[in-house]
Amino acid sequence: MRADGPSLVAPVSQRRIHQDKWDIYKMKGLLLLAIAALAHGFTPAPSPRQANTKRMASPLDNILGFIKGGKIGLVKSIAGEYDADAIRLRVDQDIAKNKVLMYSFTTVKAKAVLDEKNAKYTAIELDKDEDGKAIRAELGDILGRTSVPAIWIDGKFIGGCNDGPMGGLITLDESNKLDEMLKAAKAL
């Protein structure tokens, strides 16, 4: 004990105990999340590879599918109650009326890529939009993923920043296909 009061720094042994307890809490949380996902009947969406072939899924595919399905379920639970039909209609209308549409969060690298090209695009920031959580939840059903950005060019889903069915924005840019797509959509 210090002369002017107790030490504010815990001994190493107490810090280790605290870390061990924290690790246990994290593991319990993950286990509870997994149990909750199973209890609510969240089923993983099949990967394109699984959907198009008749092969047996490997244990790794099953684990990754469970995690993906659990994430979609988690996003839906965070969204709370909402009118799924109205949100899907809004997503369809957003895609139809915008030549380049990006659902994103406020800070996203993909915006910088489009800004650098002076592309005309609409960014709907899900962390600011009142329907943002519901839109993200429905994207999970529509696309099989909840990650953002989710980008469409001329009504075609290209993916995110560096992933998706067309490789994503950066991959398209590096292969010189992005400018062609943006010009065809009259966004450049």
Protein backbone atom coordinates (compact mmCIF):
# COMPACT_ATOMS: atom_id res chain seq x y z
CA MET A 1 0.00 0.00 0.00
CA ARG A 2 1.27 3.43 -0.87
CA ALA A 3 1.62 6.09 1.82
CA ASP A 4 -1.10 8.23 0.20
CA GLY A 5 -3.60 5.40 -0.34
CA PRO A 6 -4.03 2.01 -1.99
CA SER A 7 -2.29 1.22 -5.28
CA LEU A 8 -4.53 1.56 -8.33
CA VAL A 9 -2.54 -1.05 -10.27
CA ALA A 10 -3.66 -4.63 -9.63
CA PRO A 11 -0.96 -7.24 -9.11
CA VAL A 12 -0.16 -9.37 -12.17
CA SER A 13 -1.95 -12.40 -10.67
CA GLN A 14 -5.20 -10.42 -10.27
CA ARG A 15 -4.96 -9.07 -13.83
CA ARG A 16 -4.52 -12.62 -15.15
CA ILE A 17 -7.57 -13.79 -13.19
CA HIS A 18 -9.56 -10.89 -14.64
CA GLN A 19 -8.43 -11.83 -18.18
CA ASP A 20 -9.32 -15.49 -17.59
CA LYS A 21 -12.81 -14.47 -16.40
CA TRP A 22 -13.21 -12.21 -19.45
CA ASP A 23 -12.22 -15.10 -21.75
CA ILE A 24 -14.81 -17.31 -20.05
CA TYR A 25 -17.50 -14.62 -20.49
CA LYS A 26 -16.65 -14.32 -24.19
CA MET A 27 -16.88 -18.09 -24.68
CA LYS A 28 -20.19 -18.22 -22.79
CA GLY A 29 -21.48 -15.41 -24.98
CA LEU A 30 -20.55 -17.23 -28.18
CA LEU A 31 -22.13 -20.41 -26.89
CA LEU A 32 -25.33 -18.55 -25.97
CA LEU A 33 -25.39 -16.94 -29.41
CA ALA A 34 -25.08 -20.34 -31.05
CA ILE A 35 -27.84 -21.79 -28.85
CA ALA A 36 -30.09 -18.79 -29.55
CA ALA A 37 -29.53 -19.16 -33.28
CA LEU A 38 -30.50 -22.82 -33.12
CA ALA A 39 -33.49 -22.13 -30.88
CA HIS A 40 -34.85 -19.56 -33.33
CA GLY A 41 -34.39 -21.89 -36.26
CA PHE A 42 -31.79 -19.88 -38.13
CA THR A 43 -30.53 -22.03 -40.94
CA PRO A 44 -27.53 -21.16 -43.01
CA ALA A 45 -28.07 -20.22 -46.62
CA PRO A 46 -26.30 -22.68 -48.91
CA SER A 47 -23.21 -21.34 -50.56
CA PRO A 48 -23.39 -21.08 -54.37
CA ARG A 49 -21.02 -24.05 -54.52
CA GLN A 50 -23.34 -26.14 -52.33
CA ALA A 51 -26.47 -25.05 -54.19
CA ASN A 52 -25.10 -25.98 -57.63
CA THR A 53 -23.59 -29.38 -56.85
CA LYS A 54 -24.66 -32.57 -55.18
CA ARG A 55 -21.52 -33.11 -53.14
CA MET A 56 -21.61 -33.54 -49.39
CA ALA A 57 -20.74 -30.44 -47.41
CA SER A 58 -17.51 -30.72 -45.44
CA PRO A 59 -17.51 -30.06 -41.70
CA LEU A 60 -15.83 -26.72 -42.44
CA ASP A 61 -18.64 -25.81 -44.87
CA ASN A 62 -21.16 -26.69 -42.16
CA ILE A 63 -19.40 -24.56 -39.56
CA LEU A 64 -19.00 -21.59 -41.92
CA GLY A 65 -22.63 -21.93 -43.04
CA PHE A 66 -23.79 -21.96 -39.43
CA ILE A 67 -21.75 -18.85 -38.66
CA LYS A 68 -23.10 -17.08 -41.76
CA GLY A 69 -26.66 -18.10 -40.94
CA GLY A 70 -26.12 -17.05 -37.35
CA LYS A 71 -24.87 -13.64 -38.46
CA ILE A 72 -27.93 -13.11 -40.64
CA GLY A 73 -30.11 -14.17 -37.72
CA LEU A 74 -28.26 -11.87 -35.38
CA VAL A 75 -28.72 -8.90 -37.73
CA LYS A 76 -32.42 -9.72 -38.01
CA SER A 77 -32.77 -9.83 -34.23
CA ILE A 78 -31.00 -6.47 -33.92
CA ALA A 79 -33.38 -5.00 -36.50
CA GLY A 80 -36.36 -5.88 -34.33
CA GLU A 81 -39.87 -5.83 -35.76
CA TYR A 82 -40.33 -4.35 -39.21
CA ASP A 83 -42.50 -4.79 -42.30
CA ALA A 84 -40.35 -7.08 -44.46
CA ASP A 85 -42.49 -6.53 -47.58
CA ALA A 86 -42.21 -2.74 -47.26
CA ILE A 87 -38.45 -2.92 -46.77
CA ARG A 88 -38.02 -5.24 -49.77
CA LEU A 89 -40.13 -2.86 -51.85
CA ARG A 90 -37.92 0.02 -50.74
CA VAL A 91 -34.74 -1.92 -51.65
CA ASP A 92 -36.19 -2.77 -55.09
CA GLN A 93 -37.15 0.89 -55.64
CA ASP A 94 -33.73 2.13 -54.48
CA ILE A 95 -32.03 -0.22 -56.95
CA ALA A 96 -34.39 0.74 -59.80
CA LYS A 97 -34.12 4.51 -59.40
CA ASN A 98 -30.33 4.75 -58.87
CA LYS A 99 -27.85 3.94 -61.61
CA VAL A 100 -25.20 3.33 -58.93
CA LEU A 101 -26.44 2.44 -55.47
CA MET A 102 -24.41 1.69 -52.39
CA TYR A 103 -25.83 0.60 -49.07
CA SER A 104 -23.08 1.37 -46.63
CA PHE A 105 -22.08 2.77 -43.29
CA THR A 106 -20.87 6.34 -42.95
CA THR A 107 -17.21 5.53 -43.48
CA VAL A 108 -16.50 3.13 -46.30
CA LYS A 109 -13.47 2.78 -48.58
CA ALA A 110 -15.70 2.14 -51.61
CA LYS A 111 -17.00 5.70 -51.47
CA ALA A 112 -13.45 7.01 -51.87
CA VAL A 113 -12.99 4.89 -55.02
CA LEU A 114 -16.15 6.32 -56.60
CA ASP A 115 -15.41 9.86 -55.40
CA GLU A 116 -11.93 9.69 -56.94
CA LYS A 117 -13.56 8.90 -60.29
CA ASN A 118 -16.17 11.66 -59.85
CA ALA A 119 -18.83 8.99 -60.31
CA LYS A 120 -22.46 9.85 -59.68
CA TYR A 121 -23.82 7.46 -57.08
CA THR A 122 -26.28 7.26 -54.25
CA ALA A 123 -25.03 6.11 -50.87
CA ILE A 124 -27.65 5.11 -48.35
CA GLU A 125 -25.94 5.06 -45.00
CA LEU A 126 -27.56 2.32 -42.97
CA ASP A 127 -26.18 3.63 -39.69
CA LYS A 128 -28.04 6.93 -40.31
CA ASP A 129 -31.21 5.74 -42.10
CA GLU A 130 -34.23 5.02 -39.88
CA ASP A 131 -34.80 1.74 -41.78
CA GLY A 132 -31.09 0.91 -41.89
CA LYS A 133 -31.18 -2.08 -39.56
CA ALA A 134 -34.20 -3.55 -41.34
CA ILE A 135 -32.62 -2.99 -44.78
CA ARG A 136 -29.46 -4.75 -43.65
CA ALA A 137 -31.53 -7.64 -42.28
CA GLU A 138 -33.39 -8.00 -45.59
CA LEU A 139 -30.12 -7.83 -47.53
CA GLY A 140 -29.22 -10.98 -45.62
CA ASP A 141 -32.17 -12.76 -47.22
CA ILE A 142 -31.83 -11.13 -50.64
CA LEU A 143 -28.07 -11.52 -51.03
CA GLY A 144 -27.18 -14.16 -48.46
CA ARG A 145 -24.91 -11.63 -46.73
CA THR A 146 -25.30 -8.67 -44.40
CA SER A 147 -21.92 -7.03 -44.88
CA VAL A 148 -21.73 -3.58 -46.40
CA PRO A 149 -21.03 -1.91 -48.65
CA ALA A 150 -23.47 -3.63 -50.97
CA ILE A 151 -23.19 -2.04 -54.41
CA TRP A 152 -25.34 -2.18 -57.54
CA ILE A 153 -24.42 -0.70 -60.91
CA ASP A 154 -27.28 -0.37 -63.39
CA GLY A 155 -29.39 -2.77 -61.34
CA LYS A 156 -26.71 -5.47 -61.15
CA PHE A 157 -25.25 -6.44 -57.79
CA ILE A 158 -21.47 -6.27 -58.08
CA GLY A 159 -20.66 -7.07 -54.44
CA GLY A 160 -18.90 -5.02 -51.84
CA CYS A 161 -15.57 -3.31 -51.77
CA ASN A 162 -13.47 -6.38 -52.60
CA ASP A 163 -15.85 -9.33 -52.70
CA GLY A 164 -19.07 -10.47 -54.27
CA PRO A 165 -20.34 -12.06 -57.47
CA MET A 166 -18.28 -9.74 -59.69
CA GLY A 167 -15.33 -9.48 -57.31
CA GLY A 168 -16.39 -6.16 -55.85
CA LEU A 169 -15.64 -2.55 -56.62
CA ILE A 170 -11.85 -2.65 -56.19
CA THR A 171 -11.45 -5.83 -58.23
CA LEU A 172 -13.51 -4.31 -61.04
CA ASP A 173 -11.44 -1.13 -60.84
CA GLU A 174 -8.13 -3.00 -60.96
CA SER A 175 -9.30 -5.00 -64.00
CA ASN A 176 -10.41 -1.76 -65.75
CA LYS A 177 -14.02 -2.96 -65.88
CA LEU A 178 -15.40 -0.46 -63.37
CA ASP A 179 -15.05 2.58 -65.65
CA GLU A 180 -16.79 0.70 -68.47
CA MET A 181 -19.68 -0.22 -66.19
CA LEU A 182 -19.98 3.29 -64.78
CA LYS A 183 -19.93 4.81 -68.29
CA ALA A 184 -22.57 2.33 -69.51
CA ALA A 185 -24.73 3.35 -66.52
CA LYS A 186 -24.11 7.03 -67.38
CA ALA A 187 -22.56 7.54 -63.95
CA LEU A 188 -19.28 8.92 -65.34
